[in-house]
Every structure is written in structure tokens, then in C-alpha cells.
Amino acid sequence: DNAKATVYLQMNSLQPEDTAVYYCAAPGTQLYYTDRQDRYTYWGQGTQ
């Protein structure tokens, strides 16, 4: 929701193997689409 500056992750049918600390992150460059972790600059603290 860009108006709220918030990104969401809806997780259904959770399984034990989904147990982890979950982080959101933003790349260091605007308008850049990538799944490479090394291209992400800004990271949250994580939620268990």
C-alpha cells in the first residue's frame, strides 16, 4: 500500500519449516527489481 508506505506478506497454510525470522528489505536503487540479497541495502530488524 504505497499510500501507507507499507508492504505485507500474507502467509497461509503455515508449516513448521516456515519457522524463521522474517525480514523486509529495500534495494539501494530506485526502480530496481531483484531477488539478489546482495542488492538490498535497507533491512528491518526482523520478526519471529
ModelCIF file with pLDDT and N, C-alpha, C, O atoms, coordinates in Angstrom:
data_MODEL
#
_entry.id   MODEL 
#
_entity.id                         1 
_entity.type                       polymer 
_entity.pdbx_number_of_molecules   1 
#
_entity_poly.entity_id                      1 
_entity_poly.type                           'polypeptide(L)' 
_entity_poly.nstd_linkage                   no 
_entity_poly.nstd_monomer                   no 
_entity_poly.pdbx_seq_one_letter_code       DNAKATVYLQMNSLQPEDTAVYYCAAPGTQLYYTDRQDRYTYWGQGTQ 
_entity_poly.pdbx_seq_one_letter_code_can   DNAKATVYLQMNSLQPEDTAVYYCAAPGTQLYYTDRQDRYTYWGQGTQ 
_entity_poly.pdbx_strand_id                 A 
#
loop_
_entity_poly_seq.entity_id 
_entity_poly_seq.num 
_entity_poly_seq.mon_id 
_entity_poly_seq.hetero 
1 1  ASP n 
1 2  ASN n 
1 3  ALA n 
1 4  LYS n 
1 5  ALA n 
1 6  THR n 
1 7  VAL n 
1 8  TYR n 
1 9  LEU n 
1 10 GLN n 
1 11 MET n 
1 12 ASN n 
1 13 SER n 
1 14 LEU n 
1 15 GLN n 
1 16 PRO n 
1 17 GLU n 
1 18 ASP n 
1 19 THR n 
1 20 ALA n 
1 21 VAL n 
1 22 TYR n 
1 23 TYR n 
1 24 CYS n 
1 25 ALA n 
1 26 ALA n 
1 27 PRO n 
1 28 GLY n 
1 29 THR n 
1 30 GLN n 
1 31 LEU n 
1 32 TYR n 
1 33 TYR n 
1 34 THR n 
1 35 ASP n 
1 36 ARG n 
1 37 GLN n 
1 38 ASP n 
1 39 ARG n 
1 40 TYR n 
1 41 THR n 
1 42 TYR n 
1 43 TRP n 
1 44 GLY n 
1 45 GLN n 
1 46 GLY n 
1 47 THR n 
1 48 GLN n 
#
_struct_asym.id          A 
_struct_asym.entity_id   1 
#
loop_
_ma_qa_metric.id 
_ma_qa_metric.mode 
_ma_qa_metric.name 
_ma_qa_metric.software_group_id 
_ma_qa_metric.type 
1 global pLDDT . pLDDT 
2 local  pLDDT . pLDDT 
#
_ma_qa_metric_global.metric_id      1 
_ma_qa_metric_global.metric_value   97.00 
_ma_qa_metric_global.model_id       1 
_ma_qa_metric_global.ordinal_id     1 
#
loop_
_ma_qa_metric_local.label_asym_id 
_ma_qa_metric_local.label_comp_id 
_ma_qa_metric_local.label_seq_id 
_ma_qa_metric_local.metric_id 
_ma_qa_metric_local.metric_value 
_ma_qa_metric_local.model_id 
_ma_qa_metric_local.ordinal_id 
A ASP 1  2 96.00 1 1  
A ASN 2  2 95.00 1 2  
A ALA 3  2 96.00 1 3  
A LYS 4  2 97.00 1 4  
A ALA 5  2 97.00 1 5  
A THR 6  2 97.00 1 6  
A VAL 7  2 98.00 1 7  
A TYR 8  2 98.00 1 8  
A LEU 9  2 98.00 1 9  
A GLN 10 2 98.00 1 10 
A MET 11 2 98.00 1 11 
A ASN 12 2 98.00 1 12 
A SER 13 2 98.00 1 13 
A LEU 14 2 98.00 1 14 
A GLN 15 2 98.00 1 15 
A PRO 16 2 98.00 1 16 
A GLU 17 2 97.00 1 17 
A ASP 18 2 98.00 1 18 
A THR 19 2 98.00 1 19 
A ALA 20 2 98.00 1 20 
A VAL 21 2 98.00 1 21 
A TYR 22 2 98.00 1 22 
A TYR 23 2 98.00 1 23 
A CYS 24 2 98.00 1 24 
A ALA 25 2 98.00 1 25 
A ALA 26 2 98.00 1 26 
A PRO 27 2 97.00 1 27 
A GLY 28 2 95.00 1 28 
A THR 29 2 95.00 1 29 
A GLN 30 2 96.00 1 30 
A LEU 31 2 95.00 1 31 
A TYR 32 2 95.00 1 32 
A TYR 33 2 95.00 1 33 
A THR 34 2 95.00 1 34 
A ASP 35 2 94.00 1 35 
A ARG 36 2 95.00 1 36 
A GLN 37 2 95.00 1 37 
A ASP 38 2 96.00 1 38 
A ARG 39 2 97.00 1 39 
A TYR 40 2 97.00 1 40 
A THR 41 2 97.00 1 41 
A TYR 42 2 98.00 1 42 
A TRP 43 2 98.00 1 43 
A GLY 44 2 98.00 1 44 
A GLN 45 2 97.00 1 45 
A GLY 46 2 98.00 1 46 
A THR 47 2 98.00 1 47 
A GLN 48 2 98.00 1 48 
#
loop_
_atom_site.group_PDB 
_atom_site.id 
_atom_site.type_symbol 
_atom_site.label_atom_id 
_atom_site.label_alt_id 
_atom_site.label_comp_id 
_atom_site.label_asym_id 
_atom_site.label_entity_id 
_atom_site.label_seq_id 
_atom_site.pdbx_PDB_ins_code 
_atom_site.Cartn_x 
_atom_site.Cartn_y 
_atom_site.Cartn_z 
_atom_site.occupancy 
_atom_site.B_iso_or_equiv 
_atom_site.pdbx_formal_charge 
_atom_site.auth_seq_id 
_atom_site.auth_comp_id 
_atom_site.auth_asym_id 
_atom_site.auth_atom_id 
_atom_site.pdbx_PDB_model_num 
ATOM 1   N N  . ASP A 1 1  ? 0.873  -1.159  0.000   1.00 96.00 ? 1  ASP A N  1 
ATOM 2   C CA . ASP A 1 1  ? 0.000  0.000   0.000   1.00 96.00 ? 1  ASP A CA 1 
ATOM 3   C C  . ASP A 1 1  ? 0.914  1.213   0.000   1.00 96.00 ? 1  ASP A C  1 
ATOM 4   O O  . ASP A 1 1  ? 1.445  1.601   1.040   1.00 96.00 ? 1  ASP A O  1 
ATOM 5   N N  . ASN A 1 2  ? 1.092  1.805   -1.166  1.00 95.00 ? 2  ASN A N  1 
ATOM 6   C CA . ASN A 1 2  ? 2.027  2.919   -1.271  1.00 95.00 ? 2  ASN A CA 1 
ATOM 7   C C  . ASN A 1 2  ? 1.564  4.143   -0.479  1.00 95.00 ? 2  ASN A C  1 
ATOM 8   O O  . ASN A 1 2  ? 2.391  4.914   0.007   1.00 95.00 ? 2  ASN A O  1 
ATOM 9   N N  . ALA A 1 3  ? 0.261  4.323   -0.348  1.00 96.00 ? 3  ALA A N  1 
ATOM 10  C CA . ALA A 1 3  ? -0.249 5.443   0.429   1.00 96.00 ? 3  ALA A CA 1 
ATOM 11  C C  . ALA A 1 3  ? 0.133  5.322   1.897   1.00 96.00 ? 3  ALA A C  1 
ATOM 12  O O  . ALA A 1 3  ? 0.319  6.330   2.579   1.00 96.00 ? 3  ALA A O  1 
ATOM 13  N N  . LYS A 1 4  ? 0.251  4.089   2.382   1.00 97.00 ? 4  LYS A N  1 
ATOM 14  C CA . LYS A 1 4  ? 0.628  3.839   3.772   1.00 97.00 ? 4  LYS A CA 1 
ATOM 15  C C  . LYS A 1 4  ? 2.105  3.515   3.932   1.00 97.00 ? 4  LYS A C  1 
ATOM 16  O O  . LYS A 1 4  ? 2.578  3.304   5.049   1.00 97.00 ? 4  LYS A O  1 
ATOM 17  N N  . ALA A 1 5  ? 2.840  3.473   2.820   1.00 97.00 ? 5  ALA A N  1 
ATOM 18  C CA . ALA A 1 5  ? 4.259  3.120   2.838   1.00 97.00 ? 5  ALA A CA 1 
ATOM 19  C C  . ALA A 1 5  ? 4.483  1.816   3.604   1.00 97.00 ? 5  ALA A C  1 
ATOM 20  O O  . ALA A 1 5  ? 5.358  1.724   4.464   1.00 97.00 ? 5  ALA A O  1 
ATOM 21  N N  . THR A 1 6  ? 3.678  0.821   3.275   1.00 97.00 ? 6  THR A N  1 
ATOM 22  C CA . THR A 1 6  ? 3.708  -0.449  3.981   1.00 97.00 ? 6  THR A CA 1 
ATOM 23  C C  . THR A 1 6  ? 3.652  -1.600  2.986   1.00 97.00 ? 6  THR A C  1 
ATOM 24  O O  . THR A 1 6  ? 2.887  -1.565  2.022   1.00 97.00 ? 6  THR A O  1 
ATOM 25  N N  . VAL A 1 7  ? 4.466  -2.611  3.228   1.00 98.00 ? 7  VAL A N  1 
ATOM 26  C CA . VAL A 1 7  ? 4.434  -3.836  2.443   1.00 98.00 ? 7  VAL A CA 1 
ATOM 27  C C  . VAL A 1 7  ? 3.985  -4.971  3.359   1.00 98.00 ? 7  VAL A C  1 
ATOM 28  O O  . VAL A 1 7  ? 4.303  -4.982  4.548   1.00 98.00 ? 7  VAL A O  1 
ATOM 29  N N  . TYR A 1 8  ? 3.242  -5.926  2.795   1.00 98.00 ? 8  TYR A N  1 
ATOM 30  C CA . TYR A 1 8  ? 2.652  -7.003  3.564   1.00 98.00 ? 8  TYR A CA 1 
ATOM 31  C C  . TYR A 1 8  ? 3.088  -8.353  3.023   1.00 98.00 ? 8  TYR A C  1 
ATOM 32  O O  . TYR A 1 8  ? 3.446  -8.485  1.853   1.00 98.00 ? 8  TYR A O  1 
ATOM 33  N N  . LEU A 1 9  ? 3.052  -9.342  3.886   1.00 98.00 ? 9  LEU A N  1 
ATOM 34  C CA . LEU A 1 9  ? 3.246  -10.723 3.479   1.00 98.00 ? 9  LEU A CA 1 
ATOM 35  C C  . LEU A 1 9  ? 2.165  -11.561 4.138   1.00 98.00 ? 9  LEU A C  1 
ATOM 36  O O  . LEU A 1 9  ? 2.213  -11.817 5.341   1.00 98.00 ? 9  LEU A O  1 
ATOM 37  N N  . GLN A 1 10 ? 1.195  -11.986 3.349   1.00 98.00 ? 10 GLN A N  1 
ATOM 38  C CA . GLN A 1 10 ? 0.146  -12.871 3.829   1.00 98.00 ? 10 GLN A CA 1 
ATOM 39  C C  . GLN A 1 10 ? 0.637  -14.301 3.728   1.00 98.00 ? 10 GLN A C  1 
ATOM 40  O O  . GLN A 1 10 ? 0.978  -14.765 2.640   1.00 98.00 ? 10 GLN A O  1 
ATOM 41  N N  . MET A 1 11 ? 0.677  -15.000 4.844   1.00 98.00 ? 11 MET A N  1 
ATOM 42  C CA . MET A 1 11 ? 1.200  -16.354 4.906   1.00 98.00 ? 11 MET A CA 1 
ATOM 43  C C  . MET A 1 11 ? 0.078  -17.291 5.313   1.00 98.00 ? 11 MET A C  1 
ATOM 44  O O  . MET A 1 11 ? -0.444 -17.205 6.425   1.00 98.00 ? 11 MET A O  1 
ATOM 45  N N  . ASN A 1 12 ? -0.287 -18.181 4.414   1.00 98.00 ? 12 ASN A N  1 
ATOM 46  C CA . ASN A 1 12 ? -1.333 -19.157 4.668   1.00 98.00 ? 12 ASN A CA 1 
ATOM 47  C C  . ASN A 1 12 ? -0.741 -20.559 4.727   1.00 98.00 ? 12 ASN A C  1 
ATOM 48  O O  . ASN A 1 12 ? 0.364  -20.804 4.242   1.00 98.00 ? 12 ASN A O  1 
ATOM 49  N N  . SER A 1 13 ? -1.486 -21.463 5.322   1.00 98.00 ? 13 SER A N  1 
ATOM 50  C CA . SER A 1 13 ? -1.075 -22.867 5.420   1.00 98.00 ? 13 SER A CA 1 
ATOM 51  C C  . SER A 1 13 ? 0.342  -23.005 5.950   1.00 98.00 ? 13 SER A C  1 
ATOM 52  O O  . SER A 1 13 ? 1.154  -23.744 5.393   1.00 98.00 ? 13 SER A O  1 
ATOM 53  N N  . LEU A 1 14 ? 0.630  -22.302 7.014   1.00 98.00 ? 14 LEU A N  1 
ATOM 54  C CA . LEU A 1 14 ? 1.982  -22.304 7.571   1.00 98.00 ? 14 LEU A CA 1 
ATOM 55  C C  . LEU A 1 14 ? 2.375  -23.695 8.047   1.00 98.00 ? 14 LEU A C  1 
ATOM 56  O O  . LEU A 1 14 ? 1.558  -24.446 8.579   1.00 98.00 ? 14 LEU A O  1 
ATOM 57  N N  . GLN A 1 15 ? 3.630  -24.014 7.845   1.00 98.00 ? 15 GLN A N  1 
ATOM 58  C CA . GLN A 1 15 ? 4.200  -25.292 8.222   1.00 98.00 ? 15 GLN A CA 1 
ATOM 59  C C  . GLN A 1 15 ? 5.410  -25.073 9.105   1.00 98.00 ? 15 GLN A C  1 
ATOM 60  O O  . GLN A 1 15 ? 5.986  -23.985 9.093   1.00 98.00 ? 15 GLN A O  1 
ATOM 61  N N  . PRO A 1 16 ? 5.815  -26.083 9.876   1.00 98.00 ? 16 PRO A N  1 
ATOM 62  C CA . PRO A 1 16 ? 6.978  -25.906 10.754  1.00 98.00 ? 16 PRO A CA 1 
ATOM 63  C C  . PRO A 1 16 ? 8.226  -25.436 10.021  1.00 98.00 ? 16 PRO A C  1 
ATOM 64  O O  . PRO A 1 16 ? 9.023  -24.690 10.590  1.00 98.00 ? 16 PRO A O  1 
ATOM 65  N N  . GLU A 1 17 ? 8.412  -25.848 8.785   1.00 97.00 ? 17 GLU A N  1 
ATOM 66  C CA . GLU A 1 17 ? 9.581  -25.417 8.036   1.00 97.00 ? 17 GLU A CA 1 
ATOM 67  C C  . GLU A 1 17 ? 9.558  -23.939 7.676   1.00 97.00 ? 17 GLU A C  1 
ATOM 68  O O  . GLU A 1 17 ? 10.557 -23.408 7.190   1.00 97.00 ? 17 GLU A O  1 
ATOM 69  N N  . ASP A 1 18 ? 8.432  -23.264 7.908   1.00 98.00 ? 18 ASP A N  1 
ATOM 70  C CA . ASP A 1 18 ? 8.358  -21.824 7.714   1.00 98.00 ? 18 ASP A CA 1 
ATOM 71  C C  . ASP A 1 18 ? 8.892  -21.052 8.919   1.00 98.00 ? 18 ASP A C  1 
ATOM 72  O O  . ASP A 1 18 ? 9.017  -19.828 8.862   1.00 98.00 ? 18 ASP A O  1 
ATOM 73  N N  . THR A 1 19 ? 9.203  -21.744 9.989   1.00 98.00 ? 19 THR A N  1 
ATOM 74  C CA . THR A 1 19 ? 9.723  -21.089 11.188  1.00 98.00 ? 19 THR A CA 1 
ATOM 75  C C  . THR A 1 19 ? 11.032 -20.382 10.876  1.00 98.00 ? 19 THR A C  1 
ATOM 76  O O  . THR A 1 19 ? 11.981 -20.999 10.392  1.00 98.00 ? 19 THR A O  1 
ATOM 77  N N  . ALA A 1 20 ? 11.077 -19.090 11.154  1.00 98.00 ? 20 ALA A N  1 
ATOM 78  C CA . ALA A 1 20 ? 12.252 -18.285 10.842  1.00 98.00 ? 20 ALA A CA 1 
ATOM 79  C C  . ALA A 1 20 ? 12.016 -16.866 11.335  1.00 98.00 ? 20 ALA A C  1 
ATOM 80  O O  . ALA A 1 20 ? 10.906 -16.498 11.721  1.00 98.00 ? 20 ALA A O  1 
ATOM 81  N N  . VAL A 1 21 ? 13.073 -16.085 11.314  1.00 98.00 ? 21 VAL A N  1 
ATOM 82  C CA . VAL A 1 21 ? 12.947 -14.646 11.448  1.00 98.00 ? 21 VAL A CA 1 
ATOM 83  C C  . VAL A 1 21 ? 12.721 -14.082 10.056  1.00 98.00 ? 21 VAL A C  1 
ATOM 84  O O  . VAL A 1 21 ? 13.497 -14.356 9.140   1.00 98.00 ? 21 VAL A O  1 
ATOM 85  N N  . TYR A 1 22 ? 11.675 -13.305 9.892   1.00 98.00 ? 22 TYR A N  1 
ATOM 86  C CA . TYR A 1 22 ? 11.317 -12.741 8.598   1.00 98.00 ? 22 TYR A CA 1 
ATOM 87  C C  . TYR A 1 22 ? 11.719 -11.276 8.543   1.00 98.00 ? 22 TYR A C  1 
ATOM 88  O O  . TYR A 1 22 ? 11.431 -10.501 9.455   1.00 98.00 ? 22 TYR A O  1 
ATOM 89  N N  . TYR A 1 23 ? 12.390 -10.913 7.459   1.00 98.00 ? 23 TYR A N  1 
ATOM 90  C CA . TYR A 1 23 ? 12.891 -9.561  7.259   1.00 98.00 ? 23 TYR A CA 1 
ATOM 91  C C  . TYR A 1 23 ? 12.286 -8.949  6.009   1.00 98.00 ? 23 TYR A C  1 
ATOM 92  O O  . TYR A 1 23 ? 12.119 -9.634  5.000   1.00 98.00 ? 23 TYR A O  1 
ATOM 93  N N  . CYS A 1 24 ? 11.957 -7.673  6.066   1.00 98.00 ? 24 CYS A N  1 
ATOM 94  C CA . CYS A 1 24 ? 11.684 -6.941  4.840   1.00 98.00 ? 24 CYS A CA 1 
ATOM 95  C C  . CYS A 1 24 ? 12.896 -6.092  4.507   1.00 98.00 ? 24 CYS A C  1 
ATOM 96  O O  . CYS A 1 24 ? 13.676 -5.728  5.387   1.00 98.00 ? 24 CYS A O  1 
ATOM 97  N N  . ALA A 1 25 ? 13.046 -5.781  3.231   1.00 98.00 ? 25 ALA A N  1 
ATOM 98  C CA . ALA A 1 25 ? 14.234 -5.071  2.780   1.00 98.00 ? 25 ALA A CA 1 
ATOM 99  C C  . ALA A 1 25 ? 13.932 -4.297  1.513   1.00 98.00 ? 25 ALA A C  1 
ATOM 100 O O  . ALA A 1 25 ? 13.005 -4.624  0.772   1.00 98.00 ? 25 ALA A O  1 
ATOM 101 N N  . ALA A 1 26 ? 14.727 -3.268  1.275   1.00 98.00 ? 26 ALA A N  1 
ATOM 102 C CA . ALA A 1 26 ? 14.629 -2.456  0.071   1.00 98.00 ? 26 ALA A CA 1 
ATOM 103 C C  . ALA A 1 26 ? 15.975 -2.398  -0.619  1.00 98.00 ? 26 ALA A C  1 
ATOM 104 O O  . ALA A 1 26 ? 17.006 -2.335  0.052   1.00 98.00 ? 26 ALA A O  1 
ATOM 105 N N  . PRO A 1 27 ? 15.994 -2.416  -1.945  1.00 97.00 ? 27 PRO A N  1 
ATOM 106 C CA . PRO A 1 27 ? 17.261 -2.268  -2.664  1.00 97.00 ? 27 PRO A CA 1 
ATOM 107 C C  . PRO A 1 27 ? 17.855 -0.885  -2.456  1.00 97.00 ? 27 PRO A C  1 
ATOM 108 O O  . PRO A 1 27 ? 17.180 0.034   -1.993  1.00 97.00 ? 27 PRO A O  1 
ATOM 109 N N  . GLY A 1 28 ? 19.127 -0.755  -2.805  1.00 95.00 ? 28 GLY A N  1 
ATOM 110 C CA . GLY A 1 28 ? 19.785 0.529   -2.699  1.00 95.00 ? 28 GLY A CA 1 
ATOM 111 C C  . GLY A 1 28 ? 19.484 1.478   -3.833  1.00 95.00 ? 28 GLY A C  1 
ATOM 112 O O  . GLY A 1 28 ? 19.913 2.632   -3.807  1.00 95.00 ? 28 GLY A O  1 
ATOM 113 N N  . THR A 1 29 ? 18.750 1.009   -4.834  1.00 95.00 ? 29 THR A N  1 
ATOM 114 C CA . THR A 1 29 ? 18.461 1.796   -6.021  1.00 95.00 ? 29 THR A CA 1 
ATOM 115 C C  . THR A 1 29 ? 16.973 1.828   -6.284  1.00 95.00 ? 29 THR A C  1 
ATOM 116 O O  . THR A 1 29 ? 16.300 0.805   -6.157  1.00 95.00 ? 29 THR A O  1 
ATOM 117 N N  . GLN A 1 30 ? 16.448 2.979   -6.647  1.00 96.00 ? 30 GLN A N  1 
ATOM 118 C CA . GLN A 1 30 ? 15.051 3.099   -7.017  1.00 96.00 ? 30 GLN A CA 1 
ATOM 119 C C  . GLN A 1 30 ? 14.764 2.352   -8.312  1.00 96.00 ? 30 GLN A C  1 
ATOM 120 O O  . GLN A 1 30 ? 15.642 2.201   -9.161  1.00 96.00 ? 30 GLN A O  1 
ATOM 121 N N  . LEU A 1 31 ? 13.522 1.884   -8.455  1.00 95.00 ? 31 LEU A N  1 
ATOM 122 C CA . LEU A 1 31 ? 13.049 1.235   -9.676  1.00 95.00 ? 31 LEU A CA 1 
ATOM 123 C C  . LEU A 1 31 ? 13.922 0.049   -10.072 1.00 95.00 ? 31 LEU A C  1 
ATOM 124 O O  . LEU A 1 31 ? 14.154 -0.189  -11.257 1.00 95.00 ? 31 LEU A O  1 
ATOM 125 N N  . TYR A 1 32 ? 14.399 -0.684  -9.093  1.00 95.00 ? 32 TYR A N  1 
ATOM 126 C CA . TYR A 1 32 ? 15.265 -1.836  -9.311  1.00 95.00 ? 32 TYR A CA 1 
ATOM 127 C C  . TYR A 1 32 ? 14.593 -3.076  -8.748  1.00 95.00 ? 32 TYR A C  1 
ATOM 128 O O  . TYR A 1 32 ? 14.250 -3.119  -7.567  1.00 95.00 ? 32 TYR A O  1 
ATOM 129 N N  . TYR A 1 33 ? 14.406 -4.072  -9.582  1.00 95.00 ? 33 TYR A N  1 
ATOM 130 C CA . TYR A 1 33 ? 13.648 -5.284  -9.257  1.00 95.00 ? 33 TYR A CA 1 
ATOM 131 C C  . TYR A 1 33 ? 14.603 -6.460  -9.246  1.00 95.00 ? 33 TYR A C  1 
ATOM 132 O O  . TYR A 1 33 ? 15.126 -6.844  -10.292 1.00 95.00 ? 33 TYR A O  1 
ATOM 133 N N  . THR A 1 34 ? 14.838 -7.041  -8.070  1.00 95.00 ? 34 THR A N  1 
ATOM 134 C CA . THR A 1 34 ? 15.788 -8.129  -7.959  1.00 95.00 ? 34 THR A CA 1 
ATOM 135 C C  . THR A 1 34 ? 15.502 -8.958  -6.719  1.00 95.00 ? 34 THR A C  1 
ATOM 136 O O  . THR A 1 34 ? 14.990 -8.451  -5.721  1.00 95.00 ? 34 THR A O  1 
ATOM 137 N N  . ASP A 1 35 ? 15.841 -10.251 -6.795  1.00 94.00 ? 35 ASP A N  1 
ATOM 138 C CA . ASP A 1 35 ? 15.762 -11.122 -5.627  1.00 94.00 ? 35 ASP A CA 1 
ATOM 139 C C  . ASP A 1 35 ? 17.146 -11.413 -5.041  1.00 94.00 ? 35 ASP A C  1 
ATOM 140 O O  . ASP A 1 35 ? 17.276 -12.249 -4.146  1.00 94.00 ? 35 ASP A O  1 
ATOM 141 N N  . ARG A 1 36 ? 18.159 -10.740 -5.532  1.00 95.00 ? 36 ARG A N  1 
ATOM 142 C CA . ARG A 1 36 ? 19.510 -10.926 -5.029  1.00 95.00 ? 36 ARG A CA 1 
ATOM 143 C C  . ARG A 1 36 ? 19.678 -10.180 -3.708  1.00 95.00 ? 36 ARG A C  1 
ATOM 144 O O  . ARG A 1 36 ? 19.503 -8.963  -3.646  1.00 95.00 ? 36 ARG A O  1 
ATOM 145 N N  . GLN A 1 37 ? 20.017 -10.917 -2.662  1.00 95.00 ? 37 GLN A N  1 
ATOM 146 C CA . GLN A 1 37 ? 20.169 -10.305 -1.357  1.00 95.00 ? 37 GLN A CA 1 
ATOM 147 C C  . GLN A 1 37 ? 21.254 -9.238  -1.329  1.00 95.00 ? 37 GLN A C  1 
ATOM 148 O O  . GLN A 1 37 ? 21.147 -8.251  -0.602  1.00 95.00 ? 37 GLN A O  1 
ATOM 149 N N  . ASP A 1 38 ? 22.301 -9.442  -2.126  1.00 96.00 ? 38 ASP A N  1 
ATOM 150 C CA . ASP A 1 38 ? 23.413 -8.502  -2.100  1.00 96.00 ? 38 ASP A CA 1 
ATOM 151 C C  . ASP A 1 38 ? 23.076 -7.165  -2.741  1.00 96.00 ? 38 ASP A C  1 
ATOM 152 O O  . ASP A 1 38 ? 23.873 -6.229  -2.666  1.00 96.00 ? 38 ASP A O  1 
ATOM 153 N N  . ARG A 1 39 ? 21.914 -7.058  -3.367  1.00 97.00 ? 39 ARG A N  1 
ATOM 154 C CA . ARG A 1 39 ? 21.478 -5.797  -3.933  1.00 97.00 ? 39 ARG A CA 1 
ATOM 155 C C  . ARG A 1 39 ? 20.523 -5.036  -3.010  1.00 97.00 ? 39 ARG A C  1 
ATOM 156 O O  . ARG A 1 39 ? 20.064 -3.945  -3.348  1.00 97.00 ? 39 ARG A O  1 
ATOM 157 N N  . TYR A 1 40 ? 20.232 -5.608  -1.863  1.00 97.00 ? 40 TYR A N  1 
ATOM 158 C CA . TYR A 1 40 ? 19.360 -4.949  -0.890  1.00 97.00 ? 40 TYR A CA 1 
ATOM 159 C C  . TYR A 1 40 ? 20.209 -4.239  0.153   1.00 97.00 ? 40 TYR A C  1 
ATOM 160 O O  . TYR A 1 40 ? 21.118 -4.824  0.742   1.00 97.00 ? 40 TYR A O  1 
ATOM 161 N N  . THR A 1 41 ? 19.900 -2.989  0.364   1.00 97.00 ? 41 THR A N  1 
ATOM 162 C CA . THR A 1 41 ? 20.683 -2.126  1.232   1.00 97.00 ? 41 THR A CA 1 
ATOM 163 C C  . THR A 1 41 ? 20.027 -1.894  2.585   1.00 97.00 ? 41 THR A C  1 
ATOM 164 O O  . THR A 1 41 ? 20.708 -1.860  3.611   1.00 97.00 ? 41 THR A O  1 
ATOM 165 N N  . TYR A 1 42 ? 18.718 -1.737  2.592   1.00 98.00 ? 42 TYR A N  1 
ATOM 166 C CA . TYR A 1 42 ? 17.985 -1.373  3.797   1.00 98.00 ? 42 TYR A CA 1 
ATOM 167 C C  . TYR A 1 42 ? 17.213 -2.576  4.311   1.00 98.00 ? 42 TYR A C  1 
ATOM 168 O O  . TYR A 1 42 ? 16.479 -3.228  3.568   1.00 98.00 ? 42 TYR A O  1 
ATOM 169 N N  . TRP A 1 43 ? 17.392 -2.856  5.595   1.00 98.00 ? 43 TRP A N  1 
ATOM 170 C CA . TRP A 1 43 ? 16.803 -4.047  6.223   1.00 98.00 ? 43 TRP A CA 1 
ATOM 171 C C  . TRP A 1 43 ? 16.091 -3.694  7.508   1.00 98.00 ? 43 TRP A C  1 
ATOM 172 O O  . TRP A 1 43 ? 16.534 -2.826  8.261   1.00 98.00 ? 43 TRP A O  1 
ATOM 173 N N  . GLY A 1 44 ? 14.989 -4.368  7.753   1.00 98.00 ? 44 GLY A N  1 
ATOM 174 C CA . GLY A 1 44 ? 14.313 -4.251  9.024   1.00 98.00 ? 44 GLY A CA 1 
ATOM 175 C C  . GLY A 1 44 ? 14.988 -5.104  10.081  1.00 98.00 ? 44 GLY A C  1 
ATOM 176 O O  . GLY A 1 44 ? 15.958 -5.808  9.802   1.00 98.00 ? 44 GLY A O  1 
ATOM 177 N N  . GLN A 1 45 ? 14.469 -5.034  11.293  1.00 97.00 ? 45 GLN A N  1 
ATOM 178 C CA . GLN A 1 45 ? 15.049 -5.772  12.409  1.00 97.00 ? 45 GLN A CA 1 
ATOM 179 C C  . GLN A 1 45 ? 14.604 -7.225  12.447  1.00 97.00 ? 45 GLN A C  1 
ATOM 180 O O  . GLN A 1 45 ? 15.205 -8.038  13.150  1.00 97.00 ? 45 GLN A O  1 
ATOM 181 N N  . GLY A 1 46 ? 13.571 -7.558  11.707  1.00 98.00 ? 46 GLY A N  1 
ATOM 182 C CA . GLY A 1 46 ? 13.053 -8.907  11.663  1.00 98.00 ? 46 GLY A CA 1 
ATOM 183 C C  . GLY A 1 46 ? 11.937 -9.145  12.661  1.00 98.00 ? 46 GLY A C  1 
ATOM 184 O O  . GLY A 1 46 ? 11.869 -8.505  13.710  1.00 98.00 ? 46 GLY A O  1 
ATOM 185 N N  . THR A 1 47 ? 11.068 -10.075 12.313  1.00 98.00 ? 47 THR A N  1 
ATOM 186 C CA . THR A 1 47 ? 10.002 -10.501 13.211  1.00 98.00 ? 47 THR A CA 1 
ATOM 187 C C  . THR A 1 47 ? 9.957  -12.027 13.215  1.00 98.00 ? 47 THR A C  1 
ATOM 188 O O  . THR A 1 47 ? 10.029 -12.661 12.162  1.00 98.00 ? 47 THR A O  1 
ATOM 189 N N  . GLN A 1 48 ? 9.838  -12.604 14.393  1.00 98.00 ? 48 GLN A N  1 
ATOM 190 C CA . GLN A 1 48 ? 9.906  -14.055 14.549  1.00 98.00 ? 48 GLN A CA 1 
ATOM 191 C C  . GLN A 1 48 ? 8.575  -14.700 14.210  1.00 98.00 ? 48 GLN A C  1 
ATOM 192 O O  . GLN A 1 48 ? 8.444  -15.922 14.285  1.00 98.00 ? 48 GLN A O  1 
#
